[in-house]
Structures are given as structure tokens and as C-alpha cells.
């Protein structure tokens, strides 16, 4: 009985974790502060683009996972989708940054568009991620699970 629950719970949990992980990647660039703060932006605060953020994640994952030669093609497929998604998200958030005259309704519609785009990107990302995950060793899967569970590239502190 527990085995059947695991077969359903694990994929659902994995998708939920992927959504959270990708949300941090794609929404890190959005500015959710109040409208008057636009005038007060400090030049010391620089925002990283989704592309820059994604590249950093790719490098961290590649280093942590120690990708093997047979996995390289699957890894390349996955990172290609990640990079395309990041470029699309940067284009969408750039439009928002340039349009500072949006009213509240337009703002909500834009966030709806970002959410729909993000969902489409996740649907595009899952197949290459599943293929890559299936090719992983048990140790690589353990590292990947830790990254998705904790957002950390080191060992999980939970037992």
C-alpha cells in the first residue's frame, strides 16, 4: 500500500518542488515593491536577469552532479530548454520594466501572463528533466533531490 502511495506522491512532490525551484529562477527579476519605490531605486542594487540566474544554476548543478559522458546529451537538452525559458522570461519581464504606467488591472493581467508562460515552460522542461533524471546514478539523484528539497547545493541538514 505504501509503495502505491509513493508512486503517486513522489511525482506530485517532484513537480511541486520543480515549480518552486523554477519560480525562484524566473521571478527573481520581478519587482513587486510599491509604485513610489521606482523613483527611489538605488544604483547599488542590480538585478540579475533570468538568463544570468539560470546560467549560475546550470553551473552549480553541473558541478554538484558530476555529469558523465553518457549523460551529456540529456544534460544539453535540459539546459537548452532552461536557457530558452530564461530568455523568454527576460523578454516578458523587460516589457514590464519598461512599462511603468500600468494600472492595477494591467499589472494583474501581466502577472497572469507570466504565470501562464511559466506553466508552459514547466511543461516544456519536464520531459527533458525526466529523461536526465532517469539516467542519473543513485548518488546524483540524491544530490538532485536535496537541491530541489532545500534549494541548497550541499548536503541536506535534515535526516
Protein backbone atom coordinates (compact mmCIF):
# COMPACT_ATOMS: atom_id res chain seq x y z
CA UNK A 1 0.00 0.00 0.00
CA UNK A 2 2.78 2.44 0.90
CA UNK A 3 4.54 1.63 -2.36
CA UNK A 4 1.50 2.76 -4.37
CA UNK A 5 1.28 5.96 -2.36
CA UNK A 6 4.96 6.60 -3.05
CA UNK A 7 4.46 6.08 -6.80
CA UNK A 8 1.85 8.85 -6.82
CA UNK A 9 3.26 11.10 -4.11
CA UNK A 10 6.81 11.26 -5.46
CA UNK A 11 5.94 12.58 -8.96
CA UNK A 12 3.49 15.07 -7.46
CA UNK A 13 6.08 16.23 -4.94
CA UNK A 14 8.75 16.44 -7.64
CA UNK A 15 6.55 18.65 -9.82
CA UNK A 16 5.72 20.85 -6.84
CA UNK A 17 9.39 21.22 -5.99
CA UNK A 18 10.24 21.96 -9.64
CA UNK A 19 7.59 24.68 -9.68
CA UNK A 20 9.08 26.26 -6.57
CA UNK A 21 12.61 25.95 -7.93
CA UNK A 22 11.73 27.45 -11.29
CA UNK A 23 9.64 30.17 -9.70
CA UNK A 24 12.75 31.37 -7.89
CA UNK A 25 14.66 31.32 -11.15
CA UNK A 26 12.09 33.17 -13.19
CA UNK A 27 10.58 35.54 -10.66
CA UNK A 28 13.79 36.69 -9.04
CA UNK A 29 13.89 39.51 -11.58
CA UNK A 30 10.40 40.89 -10.96
CA UNK A 31 9.94 44.00 -8.86
CA UNK A 32 6.99 43.58 -6.52
CA UNK A 33 7.55 46.75 -4.50
CA UNK A 34 5.20 49.71 -4.32
CA UNK A 35 4.94 52.12 -7.23
CA UNK A 36 6.69 55.01 -5.47
CA UNK A 37 9.82 52.95 -4.93
CA UNK A 38 10.52 53.15 -8.68
CA UNK A 39 11.75 56.70 -8.07
CA UNK A 40 13.93 55.61 -5.14
CA UNK A 41 15.88 52.80 -6.83
CA UNK A 42 19.47 52.71 -5.74
CA UNK A 43 22.15 52.36 -8.36
CA UNK A 44 23.88 49.95 -5.95
CA UNK A 45 21.04 47.43 -6.37
CA UNK A 46 21.46 45.46 -9.54
CA UNK A 47 19.03 42.82 -10.67
CA UNK A 48 20.24 39.69 -12.34
CA UNK A 49 18.39 38.59 -15.40
CA UNK A 50 16.70 35.21 -15.61
CA UNK A 51 19.38 34.23 -18.13
CA UNK A 52 22.20 35.10 -15.70
CA UNK A 53 20.41 33.38 -12.84
CA UNK A 54 19.78 30.27 -14.94
CA UNK A 55 23.40 30.13 -16.10
CA UNK A 56 24.54 30.26 -12.47
CA UNK A 57 22.15 27.42 -11.57
CA UNK A 58 23.32 25.36 -14.54
CA UNK A 59 26.96 25.75 -13.48
CA UNK A 60 26.16 24.88 -9.86
CA UNK A 61 24.15 21.83 -10.84
CA UNK A 62 26.77 20.66 -13.33
CA UNK A 63 29.46 20.94 -10.68
CA UNK A 64 27.38 19.24 -7.99
CA UNK A 65 26.13 16.39 -10.19
CA UNK A 66 29.40 15.50 -11.91
CA UNK A 67 27.67 14.71 -15.19
CA UNK A 68 29.08 11.72 -17.03
CA UNK A 69 29.83 11.47 -20.73
CA UNK A 70 26.77 9.26 -21.47
CA UNK A 71 24.55 11.83 -19.70
CA UNK A 72 25.96 14.81 -21.59
CA UNK A 73 23.39 14.79 -24.43
CA UNK A 74 20.47 14.59 -21.98
CA UNK A 75 22.05 17.36 -19.90
CA UNK A 76 22.48 19.52 -23.01
CA UNK A 77 18.81 19.00 -23.94
CA UNK A 78 17.75 20.03 -20.44
CA UNK A 79 19.98 23.11 -20.29
CA UNK A 80 18.86 24.21 -23.75
CA UNK A 81 15.23 24.29 -22.56
CA UNK A 82 16.28 26.07 -19.36
CA UNK A 83 18.12 28.73 -21.37
CA UNK A 84 15.22 29.22 -23.81
CA UNK A 85 12.81 29.57 -20.90
CA UNK A 86 15.06 32.13 -19.22
CA UNK A 87 15.31 34.20 -22.42
CA UNK A 88 11.53 34.16 -22.81
CA UNK A 89 11.04 35.21 -19.19
CA UNK A 90 13.60 38.01 -19.53
CA UNK A 91 11.74 39.34 -22.57
CA UNK A 92 8.46 39.26 -20.67
CA UNK A 93 9.85 40.96 -17.56
CA UNK A 94 11.71 43.52 -19.68
CA UNK A 95 8.40 44.62 -21.19
CA UNK A 96 7.05 45.06 -17.68
CA UNK A 97 10.06 47.05 -16.51
CA UNK A 98 9.76 49.39 -19.46
CA UNK A 99 6.04 49.98 -18.87
CA UNK A 100 5.89 51.92 -15.61
CA UNK A 101 2.45 53.37 -16.36
CA UNK A 102 0.47 50.15 -15.92
CA UNK A 103 -2.64 50.39 -13.82
CA UNK A 104 -3.57 47.71 -11.30
CA UNK A 105 -5.67 45.71 -13.78
CA UNK A 106 -2.89 45.72 -16.38
CA UNK A 107 -0.45 44.68 -13.67
CA UNK A 108 -2.66 41.71 -12.71
CA UNK A 109 -3.02 40.72 -16.36
CA UNK A 110 0.74 40.80 -16.80
CA UNK A 111 1.22 38.57 -13.75
CA UNK A 112 -1.37 36.21 -15.19
CA UNK A 113 0.59 36.16 -18.44
CA UNK A 114 3.83 35.48 -16.53
CA UNK A 115 2.15 32.62 -14.66
CA UNK A 116 0.77 31.10 -17.86
CA UNK A 117 4.16 31.44 -19.53
CA UNK A 118 5.82 29.82 -16.54
CA UNK A 119 3.37 26.91 -16.65
CA UNK A 120 4.08 26.38 -20.34
CA UNK A 121 7.80 26.49 -19.62
CA UNK A 122 7.43 23.87 -16.91
CA UNK A 123 5.53 21.62 -19.29
CA UNK A 124 8.39 22.02 -21.77
CA UNK A 125 11.02 21.37 -19.10
CA UNK A 126 9.57 18.24 -17.51
CA UNK A 127 10.26 15.73 -20.37
CA UNK A 128 13.99 16.52 -20.70
CA UNK A 129 14.28 16.68 -16.91
CA UNK A 130 12.63 13.27 -16.53
CA UNK A 131 14.93 11.77 -19.16
CA UNK A 132 18.01 13.25 -17.49
CA UNK A 133 16.84 12.22 -14.00
CA UNK A 134 16.25 8.64 -15.21
CA UNK A 135 19.87 8.49 -16.44
CA UNK A 136 21.30 9.54 -13.07
CA UNK A 137 23.13 7.35 -10.62
CA UNK A 138 21.63 6.94 -7.16
CA UNK A 139 24.15 9.47 -5.80
CA UNK A 140 23.23 12.04 -8.47
CA UNK A 141 19.53 11.52 -7.74
CA UNK A 142 20.20 12.03 -4.04
CA UNK A 143 22.00 15.32 -4.77
CA UNK A 144 19.24 16.45 -7.13
CA UNK A 145 16.54 15.59 -4.61
CA UNK A 146 18.43 17.58 -1.97
CA UNK A 147 18.72 20.58 -4.28
CA UNK A 148 15.01 20.53 -5.03
CA UNK A 149 14.05 19.94 -1.42
CA UNK A 150 16.31 22.53 0.18
CA UNK A 151 17.39 24.88 -2.62
CA UNK A 152 20.94 24.16 -1.47
CA UNK A 153 23.72 22.60 -3.49
CA UNK A 154 25.29 20.99 -0.45
CA UNK A 155 24.21 18.14 1.77
CA UNK A 156 20.76 18.32 3.33
CA UNK A 157 20.78 19.03 7.06
CA UNK A 158 17.59 17.02 7.53
CA UNK A 159 17.75 13.31 8.23
